[in-house]
């Protein structure tokens, strides 16, 4: 079996593990969030999300650390596995220092924001402080233990992600039940219980890595200053990207709180929760394919890396749009079925967030390829410099009296601009022709999106707003999208590969019956 076939088989296997996790996580998460919203109420639910988001705002460094650590460990597994232990020791030392810094910076900035800038009722100030302190502490612990999680990802042990994910949401369901019967302050009770679940996941990762990859674990004070400099340099440039994305998401959430209050925060939080559930389908594929992109680059197999970047971008879009269309057409009914009652702007927020995700879905595989090179300085300066404009432009639009959803429209426009700029860096850093990517990925994805929309728009009126109606409509969307994707979205060799794969499966089943 060729290396290409082995990689494809591994990606498929890991994707299946992640989809099993996603299926259970999605069902339990949606049910849990409904219970939590009903028990906390719109205001407390919005406050919990915006105050918890403050921690993400002051700890934007966490996402960068996860990305950079995974990159270094994955690269060494593909290049020189004997050096993984040394890399781990250096990344752990960096994470320890930064976890301490996050606690210090978070305390200063977070307390100031809560007491002087945010729109929080006086009687909920104490509860919001509890939420913030617990969120900050759990974030610091998660940052400290990130290298252990990176080892799991780098070794593509995604079956453990499935088990941990299912256990995590099961505990969250239990928490939802507890707060429904608890006589104490529900937001404080919810934040305390969520704290223990949040820190439980990274602690379990540590125990798993110690049992399966003990040879990778190495902690020492004798560190190579050159390695530290390279890692910090890579991380610092990545920080620009994390800061930009944090301002785009959590920063705008804070602006919504300041200008429109906690109820609109709740609407925004619900929209992003729907988006997170839908994106978990796409994330399953990119999570499984990203380590292969990095390892292919480390091994010098650039042809395979290019193929994976193309495939990941295209498949991610196809998966996402197939899920987005039923929600976009039936947003109000799905929200009423899920939550019964929901804040104003929720439906519009949901549609716009899904459109934003469709625009951004191409960036993940391109970004992974760029990260693999380690040469991210100018990429981050340009892309992040434009992305960070989301925050000041949203602030200006709100000051001018624009509605709360205007920030999402601004994000869609800016993300479209940065997507085109990513193609330039893809050519410079990865030697991939923008024209080739546009022809093989963009155009085919646009064909699928345009060809399916008018038909589904007409069909949506044929199915009434009922459970049976939404199931039949969703089934129709999937079937029609598959047909359009096969005809217009896939290349001839990709269609032939799928047909051959299905033919072999049918032949195997036929021989087993005999």
Protein backbone atom coordinates (compact mmCIF):
# COMPACT_ATOMS: atom_id res chain seq x y z
CA UNK A 1 0.00 0.00 0.00
CA UNK A 2 1.40 3.41 -1.00
CA UNK A 3 2.07 6.23 1.46
CA UNK A 4 -0.77 8.22 -0.12
CA UNK A 5 -3.23 5.37 0.44
CA UNK A 6 -2.03 4.90 4.00
CA UNK A 7 -2.51 8.61 4.74
CA UNK A 8 -5.99 8.58 3.18
CA UNK A 9 -6.94 5.54 5.24
CA UNK A 10 -5.63 7.16 8.43
CA UNK A 11 -7.52 10.40 7.75
CA UNK A 12 -10.72 8.44 7.08
CA UNK A 13 -10.31 6.38 10.26
CA UNK A 14 -9.61 9.44 12.40
CA UNK A 15 -12.50 11.34 10.84
CA UNK A 16 -14.88 8.47 11.68
CA UNK A 17 -13.75 8.50 15.30
CA UNK A 18 -14.34 12.23 15.45
CA UNK A 19 -17.78 11.90 13.82
CA UNK A 20 -18.86 9.37 16.43
CA UNK A 21 -17.80 11.89 19.07
CA UNK A 22 -19.50 14.74 17.22
CA UNK A 23 -22.83 12.90 16.87
CA UNK A 24 -23.20 12.31 20.61
CA UNK A 25 -21.68 15.66 21.55
CA UNK A 26 -24.05 17.53 19.24
CA UNK A 27 -27.22 15.87 20.52
CA UNK A 28 -26.33 16.22 24.19
CA UNK A 29 -24.96 19.77 23.80
CA UNK A 30 -28.10 21.07 22.11
CA UNK A 31 -30.33 19.49 24.75
CA UNK A 32 -28.08 20.72 27.57
CA UNK A 33 -27.89 24.30 26.31
CA UNK A 34 -31.68 24.38 26.13
CA UNK A 35 -31.96 23.39 29.81
CA UNK A 36 -29.24 25.86 30.82
CA UNK A 37 -30.89 28.73 28.93
CA UNK A 38 -34.26 27.98 30.49
CA UNK A 39 -32.81 27.89 34.01
CA UNK A 40 -30.42 30.84 33.77
CA UNK A 41 -32.71 33.06 31.72
CA UNK A 42 -31.72 35.33 28.83
CA UNK A 43 -29.89 37.88 30.97
CA UNK A 44 -27.78 35.50 33.07
CA UNK A 45 -27.06 33.31 30.03
CA UNK A 46 -25.82 36.37 28.15
CA UNK A 47 -23.79 37.56 31.15
CA UNK A 48 -22.20 34.15 31.64
CA UNK A 49 -21.05 34.07 28.00
CA UNK A 50 -19.75 37.62 27.85
CA UNK A 51 -17.92 37.43 31.21
CA UNK A 52 -16.50 34.02 30.34
CA UNK A 53 -15.52 35.55 27.02
CA UNK A 54 -13.44 38.11 28.90
CA UNK A 55 -11.07 35.32 29.85
CA UNK A 56 -10.74 34.34 26.21
CA UNK A 57 -10.13 38.00 25.47
CA UNK A 58 -7.25 38.30 27.94
CA UNK A 59 -5.93 34.82 27.18
CA UNK A 60 -5.95 34.93 23.38
CA UNK A 61 -2.48 33.51 23.74
CA UNK A 62 -3.97 30.06 24.46
CA UNK A 63 -5.01 29.35 20.86
CA UNK A 64 -1.58 30.39 19.62
CA UNK A 65 0.13 28.11 22.11
CA UNK A 66 -1.99 25.15 21.06
CA UNK A 67 -1.25 25.77 17.38
CA UNK A 68 2.48 26.38 17.79
CA UNK A 69 3.01 23.46 20.18
CA UNK A 70 1.12 21.04 17.94
CA UNK A 71 3.12 22.30 14.97
CA UNK A 72 6.51 21.71 16.61
CA UNK A 73 5.66 18.28 18.03
CA UNK A 74 3.95 17.12 14.81
CA UNK A 75 6.87 18.39 12.73
CA UNK A 76 9.41 16.46 14.82
CA UNK A 77 7.33 13.27 14.61
CA UNK A 78 7.48 13.59 10.82
CA UNK A 79 11.12 14.70 10.76
CA UNK A 80 13.04 13.33 13.78
CA UNK A 81 10.98 11.50 16.39
CA UNK A 82 13.93 11.29 18.78
CA UNK A 83 13.76 15.07 19.25
CA UNK A 84 10.13 15.11 20.46
CA UNK A 85 11.13 14.77 24.12
CA UNK A 86 13.40 17.80 23.89
CA UNK A 87 10.68 19.88 22.20
CA UNK A 88 8.19 18.87 24.90
CA UNK A 89 10.50 20.07 27.69
CA UNK A 90 10.86 23.49 26.09
CA UNK A 91 7.15 23.91 25.31
CA UNK A 92 6.18 22.96 28.87
CA UNK A 93 8.54 25.59 30.29
CA UNK A 94 7.06 28.26 28.00
CA UNK A 95 3.52 27.25 28.94
CA UNK A 96 4.30 27.43 32.65
CA UNK A 97 5.57 31.01 32.38
CA UNK A 98 2.66 32.11 30.19
CA UNK A 99 0.04 30.50 32.47
CA UNK A 100 1.37 32.64 35.32
CA UNK A 101 1.31 35.75 33.12
CA UNK A 102 -2.29 35.01 32.10
CA UNK A 103 -3.36 34.91 35.76
CA UNK A 104 -1.69 38.27 36.44
CA UNK A 105 -2.86 40.04 33.27
CA UNK A 106 -6.34 38.51 33.52
CA UNK A 107 -6.85 39.72 37.08
CA UNK A 108 -5.93 43.29 36.18
CA UNK A 109 -7.77 43.68 32.87
CA UNK A 110 -10.75 41.47 33.70
CA UNK A 111 -11.67 43.14 36.98
CA UNK A 112 -11.34 46.59 35.40
CA UNK A 113 -13.60 45.57 32.48
CA UNK A 114 -16.28 44.05 34.74
CA UNK A 115 -16.48 46.99 37.16
CA UNK A 116 -15.97 49.98 34.87
CA UNK A 117 -16.88 49.17 31.26
CA UNK A 118 -19.40 46.34 30.98
CA UNK A 119 -23.16 46.64 31.20
CA UNK A 120 -23.84 44.44 34.27
CA UNK A 121 -26.74 44.89 36.71
CA UNK A 122 -25.55 45.69 40.24
CA UNK A 123 -27.26 42.66 41.76
CA UNK A 124 -25.39 40.31 39.37
CA UNK A 125 -21.94 41.83 39.89
CA UNK A 126 -20.87 39.32 42.56
CA UNK A 127 -21.99 36.34 40.45
CA UNK A 128 -20.13 37.72 37.41
CA UNK A 129 -16.95 38.05 39.47
CA UNK A 130 -17.24 34.40 40.53
CA UNK A 131 -17.71 33.36 36.90
CA UNK A 132 -14.67 35.37 35.85
CA UNK A 133 -12.35 34.04 38.57
CA UNK A 134 -13.24 30.41 37.86
CA UNK A 135 -12.93 30.91 34.10
CA UNK A 136 -9.53 32.58 34.51
CA UNK A 137 -8.20 29.79 36.73
CA UNK A 138 -9.42 27.02 34.43
CA UNK A 139 -7.87 28.83 31.45
CA UNK A 140 -4.48 29.03 33.20
CA UNK A 141 -4.59 25.30 33.99
CA UNK A 142 -5.58 24.48 30.41
CA UNK A 143 -2.68 26.58 29.08
CA UNK A 144 -0.20 24.87 31.40
CA UNK A 145 -1.28 21.38 30.25
CA UNK A 146 -1.58 22.18 26.52
CA UNK A 147 1.64 20.27 25.57
CA UNK A 148 0.04 17.00 26.71
CA UNK A 149 -2.98 17.61 24.46
CA UNK A 150 -0.63 18.44 21.57
CA UNK A 151 1.02 15.02 21.90
CA UNK A 152 -2.38 13.34 21.49
CA UNK A 153 -3.17 15.42 18.39
CA UNK A 154 0.30 14.96 16.87
CA UNK A 155 0.03 11.18 17.25
CA UNK A 156 -3.49 11.28 15.76
CA UNK A 157 -5.10 9.45 18.68
CA UNK A 158 -8.50 10.86 17.85
CA UNK A 159 -10.33 7.88 19.34
CA UNK A 160 -9.43 9.37 22.73
CA UNK A 161 -10.98 12.67 21.60
CA UNK A 162 -14.19 10.74 20.95
CA UNK A 163 -14.25 9.17 24.40
CA UNK A 164 -13.25 12.34 26.26
CA UNK A 165 -15.73 14.46 24.30
CA UNK A 166 -18.64 12.14 25.04
CA UNK A 167 -17.73 12.00 28.73
CA UNK A 168 -17.41 15.79 28.88
CA UNK A 169 -20.85 16.54 27.43
CA UNK A 170 -22.41 13.82 29.58
CA UNK A 171 -21.06 15.62 32.66
CA UNK A 172 -22.42 18.91 31.31
CA UNK A 173 -25.84 17.31 30.97
CA UNK A 174 -25.67 16.26 34.62
CA UNK A 175 -24.70 19.85 35.51
CA UNK A 176 -27.73 21.16 33.63
CA UNK A 177 -29.96 18.88 35.70
CA UNK A 178 -28.27 19.94 38.95
CA UNK A 179 -28.79 23.66 38.34
CA UNK A 180 -32.45 22.99 37.50
CA UNK A 181 -33.04 21.64 41.02
CA UNK A 182 -30.45 23.67 42.95
CA UNK A 183 -31.87 26.28 45.36
CA UNK A 184 -28.60 28.28 45.21
CA UNK A 185 -27.73 31.03 42.70
CA UNK A 186 -27.93 29.16 39.41
CA UNK A 187 -25.23 31.09 37.55
CA UNK A 188 -22.73 30.65 40.40
CA UNK A 189 -23.60 26.96 40.75
CA UNK A 190 -23.26 26.47 36.99
CA UNK A 191 -19.86 28.21 36.85
CA UNK A 192 -18.46 26.18 39.78
CA UNK A 193 -19.53 22.84 38.30
CA UNK A 194 -18.31 23.84 34.83
CA UNK A 195 -14.94 24.74 36.35
CA UNK A 196 -14.39 21.16 37.54
CA UNK A 197 -15.41 19.71 34.16
CA UNK A 198 -13.15 22.16 32.30
CA UNK A 199 -10.03 21.32 34.29
CA UNK A 200 -10.91 17.62 34.31
CA UNK A 201 -10.32 17.24 30.56
CA UNK A 202 -6.66 18.46 30.47
CA UNK A 203 -5.91 16.50 33.65
CA UNK A 204 -7.20 13.34 31.99
CA UNK A 205 -5.05 14.14 28.94
CA UNK A 206 -2.00 14.23 31.22
CA UNK A 207 -2.83 10.80 32.66
CA UNK A 208 -3.40 9.36 29.18
CA UNK A 209 -0.12 10.72 27.78
CA UNK A 210 1.79 9.44 30.81
CA UNK A 211 0.41 5.95 30.21
CA UNK A 212 0.82 5.85 26.39
CA UNK A 213 3.62 8.29 25.51
CA UNK A 214 5.72 8.47 28.66
CA UNK A 215 8.92 8.54 26.57
CA UNK A 216 7.85 11.95 25.17
CA UNK A 217 7.50 13.54 28.61
CA UNK A 218 10.60 15.32 29.79
CA UNK A 219 10.72 18.30 32.15
CA UNK A 220 14.02 20.01 32.93
CA UNK A 221 15.42 23.42 33.80
CA UNK A 222 18.37 22.87 31.42
CA UNK A 223 16.91 24.51 28.34
CA UNK A 224 18.44 25.50 25.01
CA UNK A 225 18.06 29.25 24.63
CA UNK A 226 18.09 28.98 20.81
CA UNK A 227 15.13 26.59 20.80
CA UNK A 228 13.30 28.86 23.24
CA UNK A 229 13.95 31.86 20.98
CA UNK A 230 12.66 30.05 17.88
CA UNK A 231 9.51 28.88 19.64
CA UNK A 232 8.80 32.25 21.21
CA UNK A 233 9.41 33.98 17.87
CA UNK A 234 6.95 31.62 16.16
CA UNK A 235 4.46 32.06 19.00
CA UNK A 236 4.72 35.84 19.10
CA UNK A 237 3.86 36.16 15.42
CA UNK A 238 1.00 33.73 15.94
CA UNK A 239 -0.24 35.90 18.80
CA UNK A 240 -1.11 38.62 16.33
CA UNK A 241 -3.52 36.23 14.61
CA UNK A 242 -5.05 35.10 17.89
CA UNK A 243 -5.50 38.68 19.06
CA UNK A 244 -7.20 39.60 15.79
CA UNK A 245 -9.62 36.67 15.98
CA UNK A 246 -10.31 37.32 19.65
CA UNK A 247 -11.20 40.94 18.95
CA UNK A 248 -13.39 39.82 16.04
CA UNK A 249 -15.38 37.37 18.18
CA UNK A 250 -15.14 38.06 21.91
CA UNK A 251 -14.28 41.72 21.48
CA UNK A 252 -17.41 42.31 19.43
CA UNK A 253 -19.40 40.35 22.02
CA UNK A 254 -18.22 42.86 24.63
CA UNK A 255 -19.22 45.74 22.34
CA UNK A 256 -22.67 44.18 21.99
CA UNK A 257 -22.94 44.09 25.79
CA UNK A 258 -21.91 47.75 26.09
CA UNK A 259 -24.25 49.04 23.38
CA UNK A 260 -27.21 46.63 23.51
CA UNK A 261 -27.14 44.72 26.83
CA UNK A 262 -27.06 41.11 28.03
CA UNK A 263 -30.17 39.94 26.15
CA UNK A 264 -28.57 40.62 22.76
CA UNK A 265 -25.45 38.90 24.13
CA UNK A 266 -27.62 35.83 24.67
CA UNK A 267 -28.80 35.98 21.04
CA UNK A 268 -25.20 36.20 19.84
CA UNK A 269 -24.17 33.31 22.12
CA UNK A 270 -26.97 31.09 20.80
CA UNK A 271 -26.01 31.88 17.20
CA UNK A 272 -22.39 30.94 17.83
CA UNK A 273 -23.48 27.77 19.63
CA UNK A 274 -25.45 26.70 16.55
CA UNK A 275 -22.42 27.59 14.45
CA UNK A 276 -20.10 25.57 16.71
CA UNK A 277 -22.38 22.55 16.43
CA UNK A 278 -22.47 22.78 12.63
CA UNK A 279 -18.74 23.47 12.35
CA UNK A 280 -17.95 20.41 14.44
CA UNK A 281 -18.75 18.36 11.33
CA UNK A 282 -16.19 20.26 9.27
CA UNK A 283 -13.69 20.43 12.13
CA UNK A 284 -13.68 16.64 12.30
CA UNK A 285 -12.20 16.43 8.82
CA UNK A 286 -9.72 19.29 9.19
CA UNK A 287 -8.59 18.03 12.60
CA UNK A 288 -7.86 14.64 11.06
CA UNK A 289 -6.13 16.04 7.94
CA UNK A 290 -4.05 18.87 9.49
CA UNK A 291 -1.42 16.61 11.13
CA UNK A 292 -0.94 14.91 7.76
CA UNK A 293 -0.34 18.28 6.07
CA UNK A 294 2.38 19.14 8.61
CA UNK A 295 3.98 15.69 8.46
CA UNK A 296 4.00 15.74 4.64
CA UNK A 297 5.80 19.08 4.69
CA UNK A 298 8.30 17.85 7.30
CA UNK A 299 9.02 14.75 5.18
CA UNK A 300 9.48 16.86 2.03
CA UNK A 301 6.44 15.31 0.30
CA UNK A 302 5.13 18.61 -1.06
CA UNK A 303 2.91 17.03 -3.71
CA UNK A 304 0.95 15.17 -1.04
CA UNK A 305 0.76 18.32 1.08
CA UNK A 306 -0.68 20.32 -1.82
CA UNK A 307 -3.24 17.61 -2.50
CA UNK A 308 -4.31 17.57 1.16
CA UNK A 309 -4.72 21.36 1.26
CA UNK A 310 -6.93 21.27 -1.84
CA UNK A 311 -8.95 18.31 -0.60
CA UNK A 312 -9.41 19.71 2.91
CA UNK A 313 -10.64 23.08 1.64
CA UNK A 314 -13.11 21.55 -0.78
CA UNK A 315 -14.49 18.79 1.43
CA UNK A 316 -14.80 21.17 4.40
CA UNK A 317 -16.95 23.54 2.34
CA UNK A 318 -19.12 20.72 0.96
CA UNK A 319 -19.77 19.34 4.44
CA UNK A 320 -20.52 22.75 5.87
CA UNK A 321 -22.87 23.98 3.17
CA UNK A 322 -24.86 20.73 3.27
CA UNK A 323 -25.50 21.38 6.96
CA UNK A 324 -25.96 25.15 6.68
CA UNK A 325 -28.69 25.21 4.04
CA UNK A 326 -31.42 23.46 6.10
CA UNK A 327 -30.66 25.77 9.06
CA UNK A 328 -30.59 28.92 6.91
CA UNK A 329 -33.94 28.09 5.29
CA UNK A 330 -35.65 26.89 8.49
CA UNK A 331 -33.88 28.98 11.15
CA UNK A 332 -36.94 30.19 13.07
CA UNK A 333 -38.57 26.77 13.27
CA UNK A 334 -35.35 25.03 14.34
CA UNK A 335 -34.74 27.62 17.07
CA UNK A 336 -38.32 27.39 18.34
CA UNK A 337 -38.14 23.59 18.31
CA UNK A 338 -34.83 23.65 20.17
CA UNK A 339 -35.38 26.49 22.66
CA UNK A 340 -39.14 27.27 22.48
CA UNK A 341 -38.34 30.90 23.30
CA UNK A 342 -35.26 32.87 22.24
CA UNK A 343 -34.09 36.52 22.27
CA UNK A 344 -34.59 38.97 19.38
CA UNK A 345 -31.99 38.92 16.57
CA UNK A 346 -31.13 35.25 17.25
CA UNK A 347 -32.35 33.97 13.86
CA UNK A 348 -30.59 36.72 11.89
CA UNK A 349 -27.40 36.31 13.93
CA UNK A 350 -27.48 32.57 13.23
CA UNK A 351 -27.81 32.98 9.47
CA UNK A 352 -25.02 35.56 9.29
CA UNK A 353 -22.65 33.52 11.47
CA UNK A 354 -23.17 30.48 9.23
CA UNK A 355 -22.42 32.56 6.12
CA UNK A 356 -19.27 33.84 7.83
CA UNK A 357 -18.20 30.25 8.54
CA UNK A 358 -18.68 29.30 4.90
CA UNK A 359 -16.33 32.10 3.86
CA UNK A 360 -13.74 31.16 6.49
CA UNK A 361 -13.81 27.39 5.97
CA UNK A 362 -11.10 27.58 3.28
CA UNK A 363 -8.64 29.33 5.57
CA UNK A 364 -8.00 26.40 7.93
CA UNK A 365 -6.13 24.11 5.56
CA UNK A 366 -4.26 27.05 3.98
CA UNK A 367 -3.30 28.28 7.44
CA UNK A 368 -2.13 24.80 8.45
CA UNK A 369 0.14 24.65 5.39
CA UNK A 370 1.61 28.06 6.21
CA UNK A 371 2.10 27.07 9.88
CA UNK A 372 3.98 23.96 8.74
CA UNK A 373 6.64 26.12 7.08
CA UNK A 374 7.31 28.00 10.32
CA UNK A 375 7.66 31.20 8.24
CA UNK A 376 4.57 33.05 9.43
CA UNK A 377 5.85 36.58 10.15
CA UNK A 378 4.54 38.49 7.14
CA UNK A 379 1.52 36.22 6.78
CA UNK A 380 0.38 37.14 10.29
CA UNK A 381 1.19 40.83 9.89
CA UNK A 382 -0.97 41.17 6.77
CA UNK A 383 -3.85 38.78 7.52
CA UNK A 384 -4.14 39.71 11.19
CA UNK A 385 -3.65 43.41 10.50
CA UNK A 386 -6.76 43.37 8.32
CA UNK A 387 -8.74 40.99 10.57
CA UNK A 388 -8.19 43.21 13.59
CA UNK A 389 -10.10 45.97 11.79
CA UNK A 390 -13.31 44.11 12.69
CA UNK A 391 -13.24 45.59 16.19
CA UNK A 392 -12.76 49.33 15.47
CA UNK A 393 -15.11 49.27 12.46
CA UNK A 394 -17.79 47.49 14.52
CA UNK A 395 -17.32 50.06 17.29
CA UNK A 396 -17.75 52.94 14.83
CA UNK A 397 -20.84 51.33 13.29
CA UNK A 398 -22.45 50.93 16.72
CA UNK A 399 -21.60 54.54 17.64
CA UNK A 400 -23.33 55.63 14.43
CA UNK A 401 -26.48 53.78 15.51
CA UNK A 402 -26.17 50.69 13.31
CA UNK A 403 -28.04 47.55 14.43
CA UNK A 404 -26.22 44.78 16.41
CA UNK A 405 -25.96 42.44 13.41
CA UNK A 406 -23.92 44.99 11.42
CA UNK A 407 -20.70 43.66 13.03
CA UNK A 408 -21.29 40.26 11.43
CA UNK A 409 -21.78 41.82 8.00
CA UNK A 410 -18.49 43.66 8.49
CA UNK A 411 -16.81 40.37 9.46
CA UNK A 412 -18.06 38.65 6.31
CA UNK A 413 -16.62 41.40 4.09
CA UNK A 414 -13.26 41.47 5.89
CA UNK A 415 -12.97 37.65 5.90
CA UNK A 416 -13.58 37.63 2.13
CA UNK A 417 -10.72 40.10 1.66
CA UNK A 418 -8.31 38.12 3.86
CA UNK A 419 -9.20 34.91 2.03
CA UNK A 420 -7.94 36.38 -1.24
CA UNK A 421 -4.75 37.55 0.47
CA UNK A 422 -4.14 34.03 1.84
CA UNK A 423 -3.85 32.83 -1.77
CA UNK A 424 -0.88 35.17 -2.30
CA UNK A 425 0.95 33.76 0.73
CA UNK A 426 0.03 30.25 -0.36
CA UNK A 427 1.94 30.90 -3.57
CA UNK A 428 4.96 32.53 -1.86
CA UNK A 429 5.34 30.08 1.03
CA UNK A 430 3.93 26.82 -0.38
CA UNK A 431 4.50 27.27 -4.12
CA UNK A 432 0.82 26.63 -4.83
CA UNK A 433 -0.63 28.54 -7.78
CA UNK A 434 -3.61 30.73 -6.76
CA UNK A 435 -5.13 30.06 -10.18
CA UNK A 436 -4.92 26.31 -9.59
CA UNK A 437 -6.53 26.65 -6.15
CA UNK A 438 -9.29 28.92 -7.51
CA UNK A 439 -10.06 26.51 -10.36
CA UNK A 440 -9.98 23.31 -8.33
CA UNK A 441 -11.47 24.58 -5.06
CA UNK A 442 -13.16 28.01 -5.20
CA UNK A 443 -14.97 27.66 -8.51
CA UNK A 444 -16.21 24.15 -7.78
CA UNK A 445 -17.46 25.21 -4.35
CA UNK A 446 -19.22 28.26 -5.84
CA UNK A 447 -20.83 26.04 -8.49
CA UNK A 448 -22.21 23.76 -5.78
CA UNK A 449 -23.48 26.70 -3.68
CA UNK A 450 -25.19 28.46 -6.62
CA UNK A 451 -26.61 25.31 -8.19
CA UNK A 452 -28.21 24.08 -4.97
CA UNK A 453 -29.63 27.32 -3.54
CA UNK A 454 -32.52 28.11 -5.97
CA UNK A 455 -33.76 24.51 -6.01
CA UNK A 456 -33.70 24.30 -2.22
CA UNK A 457 -35.37 27.69 -1.95
CA UNK A 458 -38.30 26.38 -3.99
CA UNK A 459 -38.38 23.07 -2.13
CA UNK A 460 -38.35 24.74 1.29
CA UNK A 461 -41.88 26.04 0.72
CA UNK A 462 -43.13 22.51 0.01
CA UNK A 463 -42.20 21.23 3.48
CA UNK A 464 -44.20 22.58 6.40
CA UNK A 465 -42.70 23.65 9.72
CA UNK A 466 -42.94 20.36 11.57
CA UNK A 467 -40.51 17.71 12.75
CA UNK A 468 -41.39 15.46 9.83
CA UNK A 469 -41.17 18.42 7.44
CA UNK A 470 -37.69 19.46 8.62
CA UNK A 471 -36.44 15.86 8.47
CA UNK A 472 -37.73 15.41 4.91
CA UNK A 473 -36.33 18.77 3.84
CA UNK A 474 -32.92 18.02 5.37
CA UNK A 475 -32.87 14.62 3.68
CA UNK A 476 -33.70 16.31 0.35
CA UNK A 477 -30.89 18.84 0.88
CA UNK A 478 -28.36 16.07 1.53
CA UNK A 479 -29.40 14.02 -1.52
CA UNK A 480 -29.51 17.02 -3.86
CA UNK A 481 -26.18 18.35 -2.59
CA UNK A 482 -24.52 14.96 -3.09
CA UNK A 483 -25.74 14.89 -6.70
CA UNK A 484 -24.52 18.44 -7.39
CA UNK A 485 -21.19 17.80 -5.63
CA UNK A 486 -20.55 14.63 -7.65
CA UNK A 487 -21.42 16.33 -10.94
CA UNK A 488 -19.95 19.80 -10.46
CA UNK A 489 -17.87 19.74 -7.29
CA UNK A 490 -15.51 16.84 -7.91
CA UNK A 491 -12.88 16.29 -10.54
CA UNK A 492 -13.09 13.28 -12.82
CA UNK A 493 -10.39 11.33 -10.96
CA UNK A 494 -12.13 12.05 -7.65
CA UNK A 495 -15.45 10.79 -9.02
CA UNK A 496 -13.77 7.67 -10.37
CA UNK A 497 -12.08 7.06 -7.02
CA UNK A 498 -15.43 7.24 -5.19
CA UNK A 499 -17.16 4.98 -7.72
CA UNK A 500 -14.34 2.44 -7.48
CA UNK A 501 -14.47 2.59 -3.69
CA UNK A 502 -18.24 1.98 -3.65
CA UNK A 503 -17.92 -0.81 -6.22
CA UNK A 504 -15.32 -2.60 -4.10
CA UNK A 505 -17.52 -2.27 -1.02
CA UNK A 506 -20.50 -3.75 -2.89
CA UNK A 507 -18.38 -6.62 -4.22
CA UNK A 508 -17.08 -7.38 -0.71
CA UNK A 509 -20.61 -7.46 0.71
CA UNK A 510 -21.80 -9.66 -2.16
CA UNK A 511 -18.98 -12.16 -1.60
CA UNK A 512 -19.75 -12.27 2.14
CA UNK A 513 -23.40 -13.14 1.44
CA UNK A 514 -22.31 -16.04 -0.77
